Amino acid sequence: MKQMPRKAKSPEMPQTSDLVACDAVVLLSGGLDSLTAAAWAKSRGHRLIALSINYGQRHSVELAAARRVAASLEIREHIILSVDLSQFGGSALTDPTIRVPKDRTAQAIGHGIPTTYVPARNTVLLSLALSMAEARGAGAIVLGVNAIDYSGYPDCRPEYIEAFSKMASLATRTAVEGGFIEILCPLQSLSKSEIIILGQSLGVDYGLTSSCYDPAADGSPCGICDACILRHVGFEQAGCVDPLITRSSR
């Protein structure tokens, strides 16, 4: 792995819109990014409703983390919805016969689409969040997608979010009757280290989260999958210690 700079500079607070504070549905995965995005939205005055999806992923560790995160942010409503995408397969995260890639260099991650891509996952998740937002009268959806330090997933790109926003403006009663549900992606243009620095400025506890694609039964990260490597590099560049390294590993 290439040598990393000592410390990333502090990012400016993301500005995604002039939307006034409102109820907002946050897609909460239990990972580092979704916690940071949720904390950012809360700091902007949005009243959060959390939605987590049990999509048939290979472990339940991230859902347990999502519960911890929701509790730490004092989110008033947290729904965990089951939509079993493992019936379709096609991903190392939903099909146990497909190997999770490990020991890849930081440079290799982001080139091509890895086997951990879940077919159309963000479209499914965003559609469910859109339904919940309209049913609850929420004015925004918050998610932690990122197009800088990520694993090459096509449904994390800005052009995808823009296209989904356009679809939402055509497909909902809220929009037809003159309202609007905004898709807020405050981390879209931040590196992993900048996300971590932002989260620390918001007082988040990253020890509550889980990023690993293939954790041990006790939740300990494997340390060598793409998600673990990106997380490690992010904390190293941010000049701080990942609180999860104190947990036992395999």
Protein backbone atom coordinates (compact mmCIF):
# COMPACT_ATOMS: atom_id res chain seq x y z
CA MET A 1 0.00 0.00 0.00
CA LYS A 2 1.36 3.44 -0.88
CA GLN A 3 2.60 5.75 1.86
CA MET A 4 -0.17 8.03 3.07
CA PRO A 5 0.08 11.71 3.96
CA ARG A 6 0.26 12.48 7.67
CA LYS A 7 -3.05 14.24 7.92
CA ALA A 8 -5.84 15.40 5.65
CA LYS A 9 -6.97 18.99 5.96
CA SER A 10 -10.30 19.71 7.61
CA PRO A 11 -13.10 19.81 5.03
CA GLU A 12 -15.56 22.64 4.75
CA MET A 13 -19.03 21.81 6.03
CA PRO A 14 -20.88 20.33 3.02
CA GLN A 15 -23.55 22.57 1.56
CA THR A 16 -26.06 20.70 -0.57
CA SER A 17 -29.04 23.06 -0.61
CA ASP A 18 -30.84 25.92 1.07
CA LEU A 19 -33.63 23.59 2.20
CA VAL A 20 -35.04 24.64 5.55
CA ALA A 21 -34.97 22.15 8.40
CA CYS A 22 -37.59 19.46 7.92
CA ASP A 23 -38.35 15.81 8.63
CA ALA A 24 -35.81 13.70 6.75
CA VAL A 25 -35.54 9.97 6.15
CA VAL A 26 -31.94 8.82 6.59
CA LEU A 27 -30.81 5.52 5.10
CA LEU A 28 -28.85 4.05 7.99
CA SER A 29 -26.60 1.12 7.15
CA GLY A 30 -24.61 1.07 10.37
CA GLY A 31 -21.46 2.14 8.56
CA LEU A 32 -19.15 5.10 8.96
CA ASP A 33 -20.57 7.09 6.06
CA SER A 34 -24.24 6.78 6.96
CA LEU A 35 -23.52 7.80 10.57
CA THR A 36 -21.66 10.90 9.38
CA ALA A 37 -24.41 11.84 6.92
CA ALA A 38 -27.06 11.41 9.62
CA ALA A 39 -25.08 13.50 12.11
CA TRP A 40 -24.61 16.21 9.47
CA ALA A 41 -28.36 16.30 8.77
CA LYS A 42 -29.14 16.49 12.47
CA SER A 43 -26.65 19.36 12.85
CA ARG A 44 -28.59 21.20 10.13
CA GLY A 45 -31.76 20.91 12.18
CA HIS A 46 -33.44 18.10 10.27
CA ARG A 47 -35.68 15.83 12.33
CA LEU A 48 -34.48 12.36 11.46
CA ILE A 49 -36.44 9.20 10.72
CA ALA A 50 -34.17 6.21 10.11
CA LEU A 51 -34.63 3.39 7.62
CA SER A 52 -32.36 0.35 7.55
CA ILE A 53 -32.76 -2.50 5.09
CA ASN A 54 -32.21 -6.17 5.80
CA TYR A 55 -31.61 -7.08 2.15
CA GLY A 56 -30.33 -10.59 2.76
CA GLN A 57 -26.73 -9.53 3.34
CA ARG A 58 -24.32 -12.20 4.52
CA HIS A 59 -24.27 -10.96 8.13
CA SER A 60 -26.43 -9.02 10.57
CA VAL A 61 -23.55 -7.10 12.19
CA GLU A 62 -24.29 -3.91 10.25
CA LEU A 63 -27.95 -3.96 11.29
CA ALA A 64 -26.92 -4.20 14.94
CA ALA A 65 -24.61 -1.24 14.30
CA ALA A 66 -27.48 0.68 12.71
CA ARG A 67 -29.51 0.20 15.89
CA ARG A 68 -26.62 1.54 17.98
CA VAL A 69 -26.18 4.51 15.68
CA ALA A 70 -29.90 5.38 15.71
CA ALA A 71 -29.90 5.26 19.50
CA SER A 72 -26.80 7.45 19.75
CA LEU A 73 -28.42 10.10 17.54
CA GLU A 74 -31.69 9.86 19.48
CA ILE A 75 -33.63 9.19 16.29
CA ARG A 76 -37.31 9.05 17.17
CA GLU A 77 -38.32 6.36 14.67
CA HIS A 78 -36.14 3.59 13.23
CA ILE A 79 -37.64 1.03 10.89
CA ILE A 80 -35.71 -2.07 9.79
CA LEU A 81 -37.38 -3.39 6.66
CA SER A 82 -36.72 -6.80 5.10
CA VAL A 83 -36.36 -7.07 1.32
CA ASP A 84 -34.52 -10.30 0.54
CA LEU A 85 -32.23 -9.59 -2.41
CA SER A 86 -30.38 -12.84 -1.69
CA GLN A 87 -33.17 -14.51 -3.68
CA PHE A 88 -31.57 -12.88 -6.73
CA GLY A 89 -27.92 -13.36 -5.71
CA GLY A 90 -25.31 -11.85 -7.99
CA SER A 91 -23.16 -10.35 -5.22
CA ALA A 92 -20.61 -11.52 -2.69
CA LEU A 93 -22.73 -9.76 -0.06
CA THR A 94 -25.86 -11.79 -0.81
CA ASP A 95 -24.51 -15.08 -2.19
CA PRO A 96 -22.24 -17.12 0.13
CA THR A 97 -20.77 -18.97 -2.87
CA ILE A 98 -19.17 -15.75 -4.16
CA ARG A 99 -15.92 -14.80 -2.44
CA VAL A 100 -15.51 -11.38 -0.82
CA PRO A 101 -12.38 -9.82 -2.38
CA LYS A 102 -9.58 -9.32 0.12
CA ASP A 103 -5.99 -8.12 0.33
CA ARG A 104 -6.42 -5.72 -2.59
CA THR A 105 -4.23 -2.64 -2.68
CA ALA A 106 -5.79 0.78 -2.13
CA GLN A 107 -4.88 1.60 -5.72
CA ALA A 108 -6.77 -1.44 -7.07
CA ILE A 109 -9.96 -0.57 -5.20
CA GLY A 110 -12.12 1.66 -7.35
CA HIS A 111 -10.99 0.16 -10.66
CA GLY A 112 -13.84 -1.86 -12.10
CA ILE A 113 -16.94 -3.05 -10.30
CA PRO A 114 -16.16 -5.60 -7.56
CA THR A 115 -18.16 -8.68 -6.65
CA THR A 116 -19.46 -6.85 -3.54
CA TYR A 117 -21.68 -4.72 -5.78
CA VAL A 118 -25.30 -5.68 -5.07
CA PRO A 119 -27.33 -5.35 -8.29
CA ALA A 120 -29.36 -2.10 -8.20
CA ARG A 121 -29.16 -1.96 -4.39
CA ASN A 122 -29.18 1.82 -4.07
CA THR A 123 -32.12 2.07 -6.45
CA VAL A 124 -34.06 -0.38 -4.27
CA LEU A 125 -33.04 1.38 -1.05
CA LEU A 126 -33.73 4.86 -2.34
CA SER A 127 -37.12 3.80 -3.69
CA LEU A 128 -38.08 2.47 -0.26
CA ALA A 129 -36.79 5.65 1.40
CA LEU A 130 -38.80 7.72 -1.10
CA SER A 131 -41.94 5.78 -0.25
CA MET A 132 -41.33 6.26 3.47
CA ALA A 133 -40.57 9.96 3.03
CA GLU A 134 -43.78 10.56 1.12
CA ALA A 135 -45.84 8.55 3.61
CA ARG A 136 -44.32 10.48 6.56
CA GLY A 137 -44.48 13.88 4.86
CA ALA A 138 -40.68 14.22 4.99
CA GLY A 139 -39.03 16.81 2.79
CA ALA A 140 -35.69 15.07 2.33
CA ILE A 141 -33.83 11.78 2.09
CA VAL A 142 -30.30 11.61 3.47
CA LEU A 143 -27.72 9.03 2.44
CA GLY A 144 -23.99 8.64 2.79
CA VAL A 145 -22.97 7.80 -0.77
CA ASN A 146 -19.52 8.92 -1.80
CA ALA A 147 -17.86 9.14 -5.21
CA ILE A 148 -14.25 9.69 -4.08
CA ASP A 149 -13.06 6.85 -1.80
CA TYR A 150 -15.45 4.06 -2.76
CA SER A 151 -15.40 0.64 -4.41
CA GLY A 152 -16.45 1.57 -7.94
CA TYR A 153 -20.20 1.11 -7.48
CA PRO A 154 -22.14 2.78 -10.32
CA ASP A 155 -25.02 3.76 -8.03
CA CYS A 156 -22.84 6.05 -5.91
CA ARG A 157 -22.07 8.52 -8.71
CA PRO A 158 -23.46 12.07 -8.75
CA GLU A 159 -25.13 11.52 -12.13
CA TYR A 160 -27.05 8.57 -10.68
CA ILE A 161 -28.30 10.61 -7.72
CA GLU A 162 -29.30 13.41 -10.11
CA ALA A 163 -31.24 10.94 -12.26
CA PHE A 164 -33.02 9.44 -9.25
CA SER A 165 -33.96 12.92 -8.05
CA LYS A 166 -35.46 13.62 -11.47
CA MET A 167 -37.44 10.38 -11.29
CA ALA A 168 -38.68 11.26 -7.80
CA SER A 169 -39.92 14.60 -9.10
CA LEU A 170 -42.08 12.75 -11.64
CA ALA A 171 -43.20 9.73 -9.66
CA THR A 172 -44.69 11.09 -6.44
CA ARG A 173 -47.94 12.73 -5.45
CA THR A 174 -45.90 15.15 -3.37
CA ALA A 175 -44.13 16.46 -6.48
CA VAL A 176 -47.25 16.49 -8.66
CA GLU A 177 -49.00 18.63 -6.05
CA GLY A 178 -46.14 21.13 -5.94
CA GLY A 179 -43.98 19.71 -3.16
CA PHE A 180 -40.48 18.33 -3.30
CA ILE A 181 -38.46 15.56 -1.65
CA GLU A 182 -34.79 16.44 -1.86
CA ILE A 183 -32.03 13.82 -2.01
CA LEU A 184 -29.23 15.02 0.29
CA CYS A 185 -25.78 13.50 -0.21
CA PRO A 186 -23.48 15.63 1.97
CA LEU A 187 -20.48 13.30 1.59
CA GLN A 188 -20.61 13.01 -2.20
CA SER A 189 -17.38 14.88 -2.90
CA LEU A 190 -15.43 14.17 0.31
CA SER A 191 -12.57 11.72 0.69
CA LYS A 192 -12.81 9.09 3.42
CA SER A 193 -10.41 11.05 5.63
CA GLU A 194 -12.46 14.23 5.16
CA ILE A 195 -15.61 12.32 6.09
CA ILE A 196 -13.95 11.12 9.29
CA ILE A 197 -12.74 14.62 10.16
CA LEU A 198 -16.24 15.98 9.53
CA GLY A 199 -17.74 13.28 11.75
CA GLN A 200 -15.33 14.04 14.54
CA SER A 201 -16.26 17.72 14.35
CA LEU A 202 -19.88 16.62 14.80
CA GLY A 203 -19.00 14.47 17.81
CA VAL A 204 -19.86 11.06 16.35
CA ASP A 205 -18.65 7.80 17.87
CA TYR A 206 -17.22 5.63 15.09
CA GLY A 207 -16.82 2.80 17.57
CA LEU A 208 -20.55 2.18 17.13
CA THR A 209 -20.24 1.48 13.41
CA SER A 210 -19.37 -1.53 11.26
CA SER A 211 -17.83 -1.27 7.79
CA CYS A 212 -16.50 -4.79 7.19
CA TYR A 213 -17.94 -6.94 4.40
CA ASP A 214 -16.98 -10.17 6.19
CA PRO A 215 -16.83 -9.64 9.96
CA ALA A 216 -16.40 -12.32 12.61
CA ALA A 217 -19.43 -13.56 14.53
CA ASP A 218 -18.64 -11.10 17.33
CA GLY A 219 -18.57 -8.20 14.85
CA SER A 220 -14.79 -7.86 14.67
CA PRO A 221 -13.67 -6.55 11.25
CA CYS A 222 -11.57 -8.81 9.02
CA GLY A 223 -9.22 -5.92 8.30
CA ILE A 224 -8.47 -6.95 4.70
CA CYS A 225 -11.67 -6.57 2.65
CA ASP A 226 -12.11 -3.46 0.47
CA ALA A 227 -14.30 -1.71 3.06
CA CYS A 228 -11.79 -2.34 5.86
CA ILE A 229 -8.89 -1.11 3.73
CA LEU A 230 -10.71 2.09 2.72
CA ARG A 231 -11.61 2.68 6.36
CA HIS A 232 -8.04 2.08 7.52
CA VAL A 233 -6.62 4.47 4.92
CA GLY A 234 -9.21 7.09 5.86
CA PHE A 235 -8.33 7.04 9.55
CA GLU A 236 -4.61 7.03 8.76
CA GLN A 237 -4.92 10.06 6.48
CA ALA A 238 -7.12 11.81 9.04
CA GLY A 239 -4.31 11.35 11.57
CA CYS A 240 -6.37 9.47 14.13
CA VAL A 241 -6.99 5.95 15.41
CA ASP A 242 -9.98 3.86 14.37
CA PRO A 243 -11.79 2.89 17.59
CA LEU A 244 -12.59 -0.52 16.10
CA ILE A 245 -8.94 -1.59 16.12
CA THR A 246 -9.25 -2.23 19.85
CA ARG A 247 -11.63 -5.08 19.07
CA SER A 248 -10.26 -8.56 18.57
CA SER A 249 -9.64 -9.68 15.00
CA ARG A 250 -9.21 -12.99 13.28
